[in-house]
Amino acid sequence: RRPVAIKQVRAESRSSKLHERLWREAQAAALLDHPNIVHVYD
């Protein structure tokens, strides 16, 4: 019961380095806790 932002990456990017970069970005952000960094939920 809260508002969220959902970032969608197109399916055609899955086979590219973009897919890997997205997952690394999300995993790195999920490890950080700072008021100026967006929290990753899923």
ModelCIF file with pLDDT and N, C-alpha, C, O atoms, coordinates in Angstrom:
data_MODEL
#
_entry.id   MODEL 
#
_entity.id                         1 
_entity.type                       polymer 
_entity.pdbx_number_of_molecules   1 
#
_entity_poly.entity_id                      1 
_entity_poly.type                           'polypeptide(L)' 
_entity_poly.nstd_linkage                   no 
_entity_poly.nstd_monomer                   no 
_entity_poly.pdbx_seq_one_letter_code       RRPVAIKQVRAESRSSKLHERLWREAQAAALLDHPNIVHVYD 
_entity_poly.pdbx_seq_one_letter_code_can   RRPVAIKQVRAESRSSKLHERLWREAQAAALLDHPNIVHVYD 
_entity_poly.pdbx_strand_id                 A 
#
loop_
_entity_poly_seq.entity_id 
_entity_poly_seq.num 
_entity_poly_seq.mon_id 
_entity_poly_seq.hetero 
1 1  ARG n 
1 2  ARG n 
1 3  PRO n 
1 4  VAL n 
1 5  ALA n 
1 6  ILE n 
1 7  LYS n 
1 8  GLN n 
1 9  VAL n 
1 10 ARG n 
1 11 ALA n 
1 12 GLU n 
1 13 SER n 
1 14 ARG n 
1 15 SER n 
1 16 SER n 
1 17 LYS n 
1 18 LEU n 
1 19 HIS n 
1 20 GLU n 
1 21 ARG n 
1 22 LEU n 
1 23 TRP n 
1 24 ARG n 
1 25 GLU n 
1 26 ALA n 
1 27 GLN n 
1 28 ALA n 
1 29 ALA n 
1 30 ALA n 
1 31 LEU n 
1 32 LEU n 
1 33 ASP n 
1 34 HIS n 
1 35 PRO n 
1 36 ASN n 
1 37 ILE n 
1 38 VAL n 
1 39 HIS n 
1 40 VAL n 
1 41 TYR n 
1 42 ASP n 
#
_struct_asym.id          A 
_struct_asym.entity_id   1 
#
loop_
_ma_qa_metric.id 
_ma_qa_metric.mode 
_ma_qa_metric.name 
_ma_qa_metric.software_group_id 
_ma_qa_metric.type 
1 global pLDDT . pLDDT 
2 local  pLDDT . pLDDT 
#
_ma_qa_metric_global.metric_id      1 
_ma_qa_metric_global.metric_value   83.76 
_ma_qa_metric_global.model_id       1 
_ma_qa_metric_global.ordinal_id     1 
#
loop_
_ma_qa_metric_local.label_asym_id 
_ma_qa_metric_local.label_comp_id 
_ma_qa_metric_local.label_seq_id 
_ma_qa_metric_local.metric_id 
_ma_qa_metric_local.metric_value 
_ma_qa_metric_local.model_id 
_ma_qa_metric_local.ordinal_id 
A ARG 1  2 96.00 1 1  
A ARG 2  2 96.00 1 2  
A PRO 3  2 97.00 1 3  
A VAL 4  2 98.00 1 4  
A ALA 5  2 96.00 1 5  
A ILE 6  2 94.00 1 6  
A LYS 7  2 89.00 1 7  
A GLN 8  2 86.00 1 8  
A VAL 9  2 77.00 1 9  
A ARG 10 2 69.00 1 10 
A ALA 11 2 67.00 1 11 
A GLU 12 2 65.00 1 12 
A SER 13 2 59.00 1 13 
A ARG 14 2 59.00 1 14 
A SER 15 2 64.00 1 15 
A SER 16 2 70.00 1 16 
A LYS 17 2 77.00 1 17 
A LEU 18 2 75.00 1 18 
A HIS 19 2 76.00 1 19 
A GLU 20 2 81.00 1 20 
A ARG 21 2 80.00 1 21 
A LEU 22 2 78.00 1 22 
A TRP 23 2 83.00 1 23 
A ARG 24 2 87.00 1 24 
A GLU 25 2 82.00 1 25 
A ALA 26 2 85.00 1 26 
A GLN 27 2 89.00 1 27 
A ALA 28 2 89.00 1 28 
A ALA 29 2 86.00 1 29 
A ALA 30 2 88.00 1 30 
A LEU 31 2 90.00 1 31 
A LEU 32 2 91.00 1 32 
A ASP 33 2 90.00 1 33 
A HIS 34 2 91.00 1 34 
A PRO 35 2 88.00 1 35 
A ASN 36 2 86.00 1 36 
A ILE 37 2 87.00 1 37 
A VAL 38 2 88.00 1 38 
A HIS 39 2 92.00 1 39 
A VAL 40 2 92.00 1 40 
A TYR 41 2 93.00 1 41 
A ASP 42 2 92.00 1 42 
#
loop_
_atom_site.group_PDB 
_atom_site.id 
_atom_site.type_symbol 
_atom_site.label_atom_id 
_atom_site.label_alt_id 
_atom_site.label_comp_id 
_atom_site.label_asym_id 
_atom_site.label_entity_id 
_atom_site.label_seq_id 
_atom_site.pdbx_PDB_ins_code 
_atom_site.Cartn_x 
_atom_site.Cartn_y 
_atom_site.Cartn_z 
_atom_site.occupancy 
_atom_site.B_iso_or_equiv 
_atom_site.pdbx_formal_charge 
_atom_site.auth_seq_id 
_atom_site.auth_comp_id 
_atom_site.auth_asym_id 
_atom_site.auth_atom_id 
_atom_site.pdbx_PDB_model_num 
ATOM 1   N N  . ARG A 1 1  ? 0.811  -1.216  0.000   1.00 96.00 ? 1  ARG A N  1 
ATOM 2   C CA . ARG A 1 1  ? 0.000  0.000   0.000   1.00 96.00 ? 1  ARG A CA 1 
ATOM 3   C C  . ARG A 1 1  ? 0.845  1.268   0.000   1.00 96.00 ? 1  ARG A C  1 
ATOM 4   O O  . ARG A 1 1  ? 0.762  2.102   0.901   1.00 96.00 ? 1  ARG A O  1 
ATOM 5   N N  . ARG A 1 2  ? 1.668  1.381   -1.054  1.00 96.00 ? 2  ARG A N  1 
ATOM 6   C CA . ARG A 1 2  ? 2.510  2.567   -1.190  1.00 96.00 ? 2  ARG A CA 1 
ATOM 7   C C  . ARG A 1 2  ? 2.777  2.820   -2.668  1.00 96.00 ? 2  ARG A C  1 
ATOM 8   O O  . ARG A 1 2  ? 2.753  1.895   -3.481  1.00 96.00 ? 2  ARG A O  1 
ATOM 9   N N  . PRO A 1 3  ? 3.033  4.083   -3.009  1.00 97.00 ? 3  PRO A N  1 
ATOM 10  C CA . PRO A 1 3  ? 3.387  4.386   -4.399  1.00 97.00 ? 3  PRO A CA 1 
ATOM 11  C C  . PRO A 1 3  ? 4.814  3.916   -4.684  1.00 97.00 ? 3  PRO A C  1 
ATOM 12  O O  . PRO A 1 3  ? 5.681  3.979   -3.812  1.00 97.00 ? 3  PRO A O  1 
ATOM 13  N N  . VAL A 1 4  ? 5.047  3.451   -5.896  1.00 98.00 ? 4  VAL A N  1 
ATOM 14  C CA . VAL A 1 4  ? 6.372  3.004   -6.315  1.00 98.00 ? 4  VAL A CA 1 
ATOM 15  C C  . VAL A 1 4  ? 6.634  3.489   -7.737  1.00 98.00 ? 4  VAL A C  1 
ATOM 16  O O  . VAL A 1 4  ? 5.714  3.887   -8.453  1.00 98.00 ? 4  VAL A O  1 
ATOM 17  N N  . ALA A 1 5  ? 7.876  3.450   -8.124  1.00 96.00 ? 5  ALA A N  1 
ATOM 18  C CA . ALA A 1 5  ? 8.271  3.689   -9.514  1.00 96.00 ? 5  ALA A CA 1 
ATOM 19  C C  . ALA A 1 5  ? 8.714  2.347   -10.081 1.00 96.00 ? 5  ALA A C  1 
ATOM 20  O O  . ALA A 1 5  ? 9.428  1.591   -9.423  1.00 96.00 ? 5  ALA A O  1 
ATOM 21  N N  . ILE A 1 6  ? 8.288  2.058   -11.304 1.00 94.00 ? 6  ILE A N  1 
ATOM 22  C CA . ILE A 1 6  ? 8.688  0.811   -11.952 1.00 94.00 ? 6  ILE A CA 1 
ATOM 23  C C  . ILE A 1 6  ? 9.437  1.166   -13.227 1.00 94.00 ? 6  ILE A C  1 
ATOM 24  O O  . ILE A 1 6  ? 8.898  1.810   -14.127 1.00 94.00 ? 6  ILE A O  1 
ATOM 25  N N  . LYS A 1 7  ? 10.685 0.733   -13.284 1.00 89.00 ? 7  LYS A N  1 
ATOM 26  C CA . LYS A 1 7  ? 11.517 0.974   -14.452 1.00 89.00 ? 7  LYS A CA 1 
ATOM 27  C C  . LYS A 1 7  ? 11.468 -0.271  -15.320 1.00 89.00 ? 7  LYS A C  1 
ATOM 28  O O  . LYS A 1 7  ? 11.897 -1.344  -14.896 1.00 89.00 ? 7  LYS A O  1 
ATOM 29  N N  . GLN A 1 8  ? 10.947 -0.136  -16.533 1.00 86.00 ? 8  GLN A N  1 
ATOM 30  C CA . GLN A 1 8  ? 10.848 -1.262  -17.458 1.00 86.00 ? 8  GLN A CA 1 
ATOM 31  C C  . GLN A 1 8  ? 11.924 -1.143  -18.514 1.00 86.00 ? 8  GLN A C  1 
ATOM 32  O O  . GLN A 1 8  ? 12.103 -0.086  -19.120 1.00 86.00 ? 8  GLN A O  1 
ATOM 33  N N  . VAL A 1 9  ? 12.637 -2.230  -18.732 1.00 77.00 ? 9  VAL A N  1 
ATOM 34  C CA . VAL A 1 9  ? 13.618 -2.284  -19.804 1.00 77.00 ? 9  VAL A CA 1 
ATOM 35  C C  . VAL A 1 9  ? 13.063 -3.209  -20.871 1.00 77.00 ? 9  VAL A C  1 
ATOM 36  O O  . VAL A 1 9  ? 12.625 -4.320  -20.573 1.00 77.00 ? 9  VAL A O  1 
ATOM 37  N N  . ARG A 1 10 ? 13.082 -2.760  -22.087 1.00 69.00 ? 10 ARG A N  1 
ATOM 38  C CA . ARG A 1 10 ? 12.495 -3.530  -23.188 1.00 69.00 ? 10 ARG A CA 1 
ATOM 39  C C  . ARG A 1 10 ? 13.080 -4.929  -23.311 1.00 69.00 ? 10 ARG A C  1 
ATOM 40  O O  . ARG A 1 10 ? 14.260 -5.148  -23.037 1.00 69.00 ? 10 ARG A O  1 
ATOM 41  N N  . ALA A 1 11 ? 12.242 -5.871  -23.725 1.00 67.00 ? 11 ALA A N  1 
ATOM 42  C CA . ALA A 1 11 ? 12.645 -7.276  -23.855 1.00 67.00 ? 11 ALA A CA 1 
ATOM 43  C C  . ALA A 1 11 ? 13.810 -7.451  -24.820 1.00 67.00 ? 11 ALA A C  1 
ATOM 44  O O  . ALA A 1 11 ? 14.655 -8.321  -24.611 1.00 67.00 ? 11 ALA A O  1 
ATOM 45  N N  . GLU A 1 12 ? 13.869 -6.636  -25.875 1.00 65.00 ? 12 GLU A N  1 
ATOM 46  C CA . GLU A 1 12 ? 14.953 -6.797  -26.852 1.00 65.00 ? 12 GLU A CA 1 
ATOM 47  C C  . GLU A 1 12 ? 16.322 -6.466  -26.268 1.00 65.00 ? 12 GLU A C  1 
ATOM 48  O O  . GLU A 1 12 ? 17.345 -6.842  -26.841 1.00 65.00 ? 12 GLU A O  1 
ATOM 49  N N  . SER A 1 13 ? 16.352 -5.775  -25.146 1.00 59.00 ? 13 SER A N  1 
ATOM 50  C CA . SER A 1 13 ? 17.637 -5.452  -24.527 1.00 59.00 ? 13 SER A CA 1 
ATOM 51  C C  . SER A 1 13 ? 18.169 -6.590  -23.678 1.00 59.00 ? 13 SER A C  1 
ATOM 52  O O  . SER A 1 13 ? 19.301 -6.523  -23.201 1.00 59.00 ? 13 SER A O  1 
ATOM 53  N N  . ARG A 1 14 ? 17.384 -7.625  -23.480 1.00 59.00 ? 14 ARG A N  1 
ATOM 54  C CA . ARG A 1 14 ? 17.811 -8.742  -22.642 1.00 59.00 ? 14 ARG A CA 1 
ATOM 55  C C  . ARG A 1 14 ? 19.087 -9.409  -23.138 1.00 59.00 ? 14 ARG A C  1 
ATOM 56  O O  . ARG A 1 14 ? 19.910 -9.841  -22.331 1.00 59.00 ? 14 ARG A O  1 
ATOM 57  N N  . SER A 1 15 ? 19.260 -9.497  -24.430 1.00 64.00 ? 15 SER A N  1 
ATOM 58  C CA . SER A 1 15 ? 20.427 -10.187 -24.968 1.00 64.00 ? 15 SER A CA 1 
ATOM 59  C C  . SER A 1 15 ? 21.662 -9.288  -25.004 1.00 64.00 ? 15 SER A C  1 
ATOM 60  O O  . SER A 1 15 ? 22.742 -9.738  -25.386 1.00 64.00 ? 15 SER A O  1 
ATOM 61  N N  . SER A 1 16 ? 21.520 -8.067  -24.624 1.00 70.00 ? 16 SER A N  1 
ATOM 62  C CA . SER A 1 16 ? 22.638 -7.128  -24.683 1.00 70.00 ? 16 SER A CA 1 
ATOM 63  C C  . SER A 1 16 ? 23.266 -6.911  -23.307 1.00 70.00 ? 16 SER A C  1 
ATOM 64  O O  . SER A 1 16 ? 22.822 -7.460  -22.299 1.00 70.00 ? 16 SER A O  1 
ATOM 65  N N  . LYS A 1 17 ? 24.292 -6.108  -23.309 1.00 77.00 ? 17 LYS A N  1 
ATOM 66  C CA . LYS A 1 17 ? 24.963 -5.748  -22.055 1.00 77.00 ? 17 LYS A CA 1 
ATOM 67  C C  . LYS A 1 17 ? 24.066 -4.883  -21.183 1.00 77.00 ? 17 LYS A C  1 
ATOM 68  O O  . LYS A 1 17 ? 24.294 -4.757  -19.980 1.00 77.00 ? 17 LYS A O  1 
ATOM 69  N N  . LEU A 1 18 ? 23.043 -4.286  -21.792 1.00 75.00 ? 18 LEU A N  1 
ATOM 70  C CA . LEU A 1 18 ? 22.111 -3.437  -21.056 1.00 75.00 ? 18 LEU A CA 1 
ATOM 71  C C  . LEU A 1 18 ? 21.409 -4.216  -19.949 1.00 75.00 ? 18 LEU A C  1 
ATOM 72  O O  . LEU A 1 18 ? 21.209 -3.703  -18.848 1.00 75.00 ? 18 LEU A O  1 
ATOM 73  N N  . HIS A 1 19 ? 21.042 -5.447  -20.246 1.00 76.00 ? 19 HIS A N  1 
ATOM 74  C CA . HIS A 1 19 ? 20.387 -6.321  -19.262 1.00 76.00 ? 19 HIS A CA 1 
ATOM 75  C C  . HIS A 1 19 ? 21.293 -6.520  -18.051 1.00 76.00 ? 19 HIS A C  1 
ATOM 76  O O  . HIS A 1 19 ? 20.855 -6.364  -16.911 1.00 76.00 ? 19 HIS A O  1 
ATOM 77  N N  . GLU A 1 20 ? 22.541 -6.860  -18.295 1.00 81.00 ? 20 GLU A N  1 
ATOM 78  C CA . GLU A 1 20 ? 23.491 -7.081  -17.201 1.00 81.00 ? 20 GLU A CA 1 
ATOM 79  C C  . GLU A 1 20 ? 23.726 -5.799  -16.414 1.00 81.00 ? 20 GLU A C  1 
ATOM 80  O O  . GLU A 1 20 ? 23.804 -5.821  -15.185 1.00 81.00 ? 20 GLU A O  1 
ATOM 81  N N  . ARG A 1 21 ? 23.839 -4.686  -17.126 1.00 80.00 ? 21 ARG A N  1 
ATOM 82  C CA . ARG A 1 21 ? 24.066 -3.404  -16.456 1.00 80.00 ? 21 ARG A CA 1 
ATOM 83  C C  . ARG A 1 21 ? 22.906 -3.030  -15.555 1.00 80.00 ? 21 ARG A C  1 
ATOM 84  O O  . ARG A 1 21 ? 23.105 -2.552  -14.438 1.00 80.00 ? 21 ARG A O  1 
ATOM 85  N N  . LEU A 1 22 ? 21.689 -3.250  -16.044 1.00 78.00 ? 22 LEU A N  1 
ATOM 86  C CA . LEU A 1 22 ? 20.498 -2.959  -15.249 1.00 78.00 ? 22 LEU A CA 1 
ATOM 87  C C  . LEU A 1 22 ? 20.497 -3.747  -13.954 1.00 78.00 ? 22 LEU A C  1 
ATOM 88  O O  . LEU A 1 22 ? 20.241 -3.192  -12.885 1.00 78.00 ? 22 LEU A O  1 
ATOM 89  N N  . TRP A 1 23 ? 20.784 -5.038  -14.043 1.00 83.00 ? 23 TRP A N  1 
ATOM 90  C CA . TRP A 1 23 ? 20.772 -5.882  -12.842 1.00 83.00 ? 23 TRP A CA 1 
ATOM 91  C C  . TRP A 1 23 ? 21.885 -5.498  -11.873 1.00 83.00 ? 23 TRP A C  1 
ATOM 92  O O  . TRP A 1 23 ? 21.676 -5.490  -10.660 1.00 83.00 ? 23 TRP A O  1 
ATOM 93  N N  . ARG A 1 24 ? 23.071 -5.180  -12.402 1.00 87.00 ? 24 ARG A N  1 
ATOM 94  C CA . ARG A 1 24 ? 24.167 -4.740  -11.521 1.00 87.00 ? 24 ARG A CA 1 
ATOM 95  C C  . ARG A 1 24 ? 23.814 -3.423  -10.836 1.00 87.00 ? 24 ARG A C  1 
ATOM 96  O O  . ARG A 1 24 ? 24.084 -3.236  -9.650  1.00 87.00 ? 24 ARG A O  1 
ATOM 97  N N  . GLU A 1 25 ? 23.210 -2.516  -11.598 1.00 82.00 ? 25 GLU A N  1 
ATOM 98  C CA . GLU A 1 25 ? 22.795 -1.225  -11.037 1.00 82.00 ? 25 GLU A CA 1 
ATOM 99  C C  . GLU A 1 25 ? 21.789 -1.422  -9.909  1.00 82.00 ? 25 GLU A C  1 
ATOM 100 O O  . GLU A 1 25 ? 21.917 -0.805  -8.852  1.00 82.00 ? 25 GLU A O  1 
ATOM 101 N N  . ALA A 1 26 ? 20.807 -2.262  -10.120 1.00 85.00 ? 26 ALA A N  1 
ATOM 102 C CA . ALA A 1 26 ? 19.776 -2.506  -9.107  1.00 85.00 ? 26 ALA A CA 1 
ATOM 103 C C  . ALA A 1 26 ? 20.363 -3.198  -7.876  1.00 85.00 ? 26 ALA A C  1 
ATOM 104 O O  . ALA A 1 26 ? 20.029 -2.841  -6.747  1.00 85.00 ? 26 ALA A O  1 
ATOM 105 N N  . GLN A 1 27 ? 21.221 -4.169  -8.088  1.00 89.00 ? 27 GLN A N  1 
ATOM 106 C CA . GLN A 1 27 ? 21.829 -4.882  -6.962  1.00 89.00 ? 27 GLN A CA 1 
ATOM 107 C C  . GLN A 1 27 ? 22.731 -3.958  -6.147  1.00 89.00 ? 27 GLN A C  1 
ATOM 108 O O  . GLN A 1 27 ? 22.730 -4.021  -4.918  1.00 89.00 ? 27 GLN A O  1 
ATOM 109 N N  . ALA A 1 28 ? 23.497 -3.105  -6.816  1.00 89.00 ? 28 ALA A N  1 
ATOM 110 C CA . ALA A 1 28 ? 24.364 -2.172  -6.105  1.00 89.00 ? 28 ALA A CA 1 
ATOM 111 C C  . ALA A 1 28 ? 23.533 -1.157  -5.320  1.00 89.00 ? 28 ALA A C  1 
ATOM 112 O O  . ALA A 1 28 ? 23.844 -0.864  -4.166  1.00 89.00 ? 28 ALA A O  1 
ATOM 113 N N  . ALA A 1 29 ? 22.489 -0.626  -5.932  1.00 86.00 ? 29 ALA A N  1 
ATOM 114 C CA . ALA A 1 29 ? 21.635 0.354   -5.253  1.00 86.00 ? 29 ALA A CA 1 
ATOM 115 C C  . ALA A 1 29 ? 20.921 -0.264  -4.059  1.00 86.00 ? 29 ALA A C  1 
ATOM 116 O O  . ALA A 1 29 ? 20.703 0.410   -3.052  1.00 86.00 ? 29 ALA A O  1 
ATOM 117 N N  . ALA A 1 30 ? 20.558 -1.526  -4.159  1.00 88.00 ? 30 ALA A N  1 
ATOM 118 C CA . ALA A 1 30 ? 19.854 -2.196  -3.063  1.00 88.00 ? 30 ALA A CA 1 
ATOM 119 C C  . ALA A 1 30 ? 20.742 -2.354  -1.826  1.00 88.00 ? 30 ALA A C  1 
ATOM 120 O O  . ALA A 1 30 ? 20.233 -2.489  -0.713  1.00 88.00 ? 30 ALA A O  1 
ATOM 121 N N  . LEU A 1 31 ? 22.049 -2.337  -2.012  1.00 90.00 ? 31 LEU A N  1 
ATOM 122 C CA . LEU A 1 31 ? 22.980 -2.480  -0.888  1.00 90.00 ? 31 LEU A CA 1 
ATOM 123 C C  . LEU A 1 31 ? 23.228 -1.166  -0.153  1.00 90.00 ? 31 LEU A C  1 
ATOM 124 O O  . LEU A 1 31 ? 23.774 -1.156  0.950   1.00 90.00 ? 31 LEU A O  1 
ATOM 125 N N  . LEU A 1 32 ? 22.824 -0.063  -0.770  1.00 91.00 ? 32 LEU A N  1 
ATOM 126 C CA . LEU A 1 32 ? 23.098 1.254   -0.200  1.00 91.00 ? 32 LEU A CA 1 
ATOM 127 C C  . LEU A 1 32 ? 21.896 1.793   0.557   1.00 91.00 ? 32 LEU A C  1 
ATOM 128 O O  . LEU A 1 32 ? 20.748 1.517   0.208   1.00 91.00 ? 32 LEU A O  1 
ATOM 129 N N  . ASP A 1 33 ? 22.175 2.564   1.595   1.00 90.00 ? 33 ASP A N  1 
ATOM 130 C CA . ASP A 1 33 ? 21.110 3.193   2.358   1.00 90.00 ? 33 ASP A CA 1 
ATOM 131 C C  . ASP A 1 33 ? 21.531 4.632   2.660   1.00 90.00 ? 33 ASP A C  1 
ATOM 132 O O  . ASP A 1 33 ? 22.339 4.896   3.551   1.00 90.00 ? 33 ASP A O  1 
ATOM 133 N N  . HIS A 1 34 ? 20.958 5.542   1.891   1.00 91.00 ? 34 HIS A N  1 
ATOM 134 C CA . HIS A 1 34 ? 21.287 6.955   2.044   1.00 91.00 ? 34 HIS A CA 1 
ATOM 135 C C  . HIS A 1 34 ? 20.079 7.764   1.585   1.00 91.00 ? 34 HIS A C  1 
ATOM 136 O O  . HIS A 1 34 ? 19.405 7.363   0.636   1.00 91.00 ? 34 HIS A O  1 
ATOM 137 N N  . PRO A 1 35 ? 19.786 8.892   2.231   1.00 88.00 ? 35 PRO A N  1 
ATOM 138 C CA . PRO A 1 35 ? 18.612 9.688   1.855   1.00 88.00 ? 35 PRO A CA 1 
ATOM 139 C C  . PRO A 1 35 ? 18.615 10.165  0.397   1.00 88.00 ? 35 PRO A C  1 
ATOM 140 O O  . PRO A 1 35 ? 17.551 10.452  -0.152  1.00 88.00 ? 35 PRO A O  1 
ATOM 141 N N  . ASN A 1 36 ? 19.775 10.253  -0.232  1.00 86.00 ? 36 ASN A N  1 
ATOM 142 C CA . ASN A 1 36 ? 19.862 10.736  -1.610  1.00 86.00 ? 36 ASN A CA 1 
ATOM 143 C C  . ASN A 1 36 ? 19.919 9.616   -2.653  1.00 86.00 ? 36 ASN A C  1 
ATOM 144 O O  . ASN A 1 36 ? 20.147 9.880   -3.833  1.00 86.00 ? 36 ASN A O  1 
ATOM 145 N N  . ILE A 1 37 ? 19.715 8.379   -2.223  1.00 87.00 ? 37 ILE A N  1 
ATOM 146 C CA . ILE A 1 37 ? 19.731 7.237   -3.135  1.00 87.00 ? 37 ILE A CA 1 
ATOM 147 C C  . ILE A 1 37 ? 18.375 6.552   -3.081  1.00 87.00 ? 37 ILE A C  1 
ATOM 148 O O  . ILE A 1 37 ? 17.870 6.238   -2.004  1.00 87.00 ? 37 ILE A O  1 
ATOM 149 N N  . VAL A 1 38 ? 17.793 6.326   -4.244  1.00 88.00 ? 38 VAL A N  1 
ATOM 150 C CA . VAL A 1 38 ? 16.487 5.668   -4.330  1.00 88.00 ? 38 VAL A CA 1 
ATOM 151 C C  . VAL A 1 38 ? 16.598 4.229   -3.837  1.00 88.00 ? 38 VAL A C  1 
ATOM 152 O O  . VAL A 1 38 ? 17.540 3.518   -4.185  1.00 88.00 ? 38 VAL A O  1 
ATOM 153 N N  . HIS A 1 39 ? 15.630 3.803   -3.025  1.00 92.00 ? 39 HIS A N  1 
ATOM 154 C CA . HIS A 1 39 ? 15.603 2.424   -2.536  1.00 92.00 ? 39 HIS A CA 1 
ATOM 155 C C  . HIS A 1 39 ? 15.044 1.494   -3.604  1.00 92.00 ? 39 HIS A C  1 
ATOM 156 O O  . HIS A 1 39 ? 14.027 1.797   -4.228  1.00 92.00 ? 39 HIS A O  1 
ATOM 157 N N  . VAL A 1 40 ? 15.706 0.368   -3.814  1.00 92.00 ? 40 VAL A N  1 
ATOM 158 C CA . VAL A 1 40 ? 15.233 -0.652  -4.749  1.00 92.00 ? 40 VAL A CA 1 
ATOM 159 C C  . VAL A 1 40 ? 14.471 -1.691  -3.944  1.00 92.00 ? 40 VAL A C  1 
ATOM 160 O O  . VAL A 1 40 ? 14.985 -2.231  -2.964  1.00 92.00 ? 40 VAL A O  1 
ATOM 161 N N  . TYR A 1 41 ? 13.232 -1.968  -4.365  1.00 93.00 ? 41 TYR A N  1 
ATOM 162 C CA . TYR A 1 41 ? 12.377 -2.908  -3.645  1.00 93.00 ? 41 TYR A CA 1 
ATOM 163 C C  . TYR A 1 41 ? 12.351 -4.298  -4.268  1.00 93.00 ? 41 TYR A C  1 
ATOM 164 O O  . TYR A 1 41 ? 12.212 -5.290  -3.554  1.00 93.00 ? 41 TYR A O  1 
ATOM 165 N N  . ASP A 1 42 ? 12.485 -4.384  -5.605  1.00 92.00 ? 42 ASP A N  1 
ATOM 166 C CA . ASP A 1 42 ? 12.358 -5.695  -6.253  1.00 92.00 ? 42 ASP A CA 1 
ATOM 167 C C  . ASP A 1 42 ? 12.931 -5.651  -7.659  1.00 92.00 ? 42 ASP A C  1 
ATOM 168 O O  . ASP A 1 42 ? 12.915 -6.660  -8.364  1.00 92.00 ? 42 ASP A O  1 
#
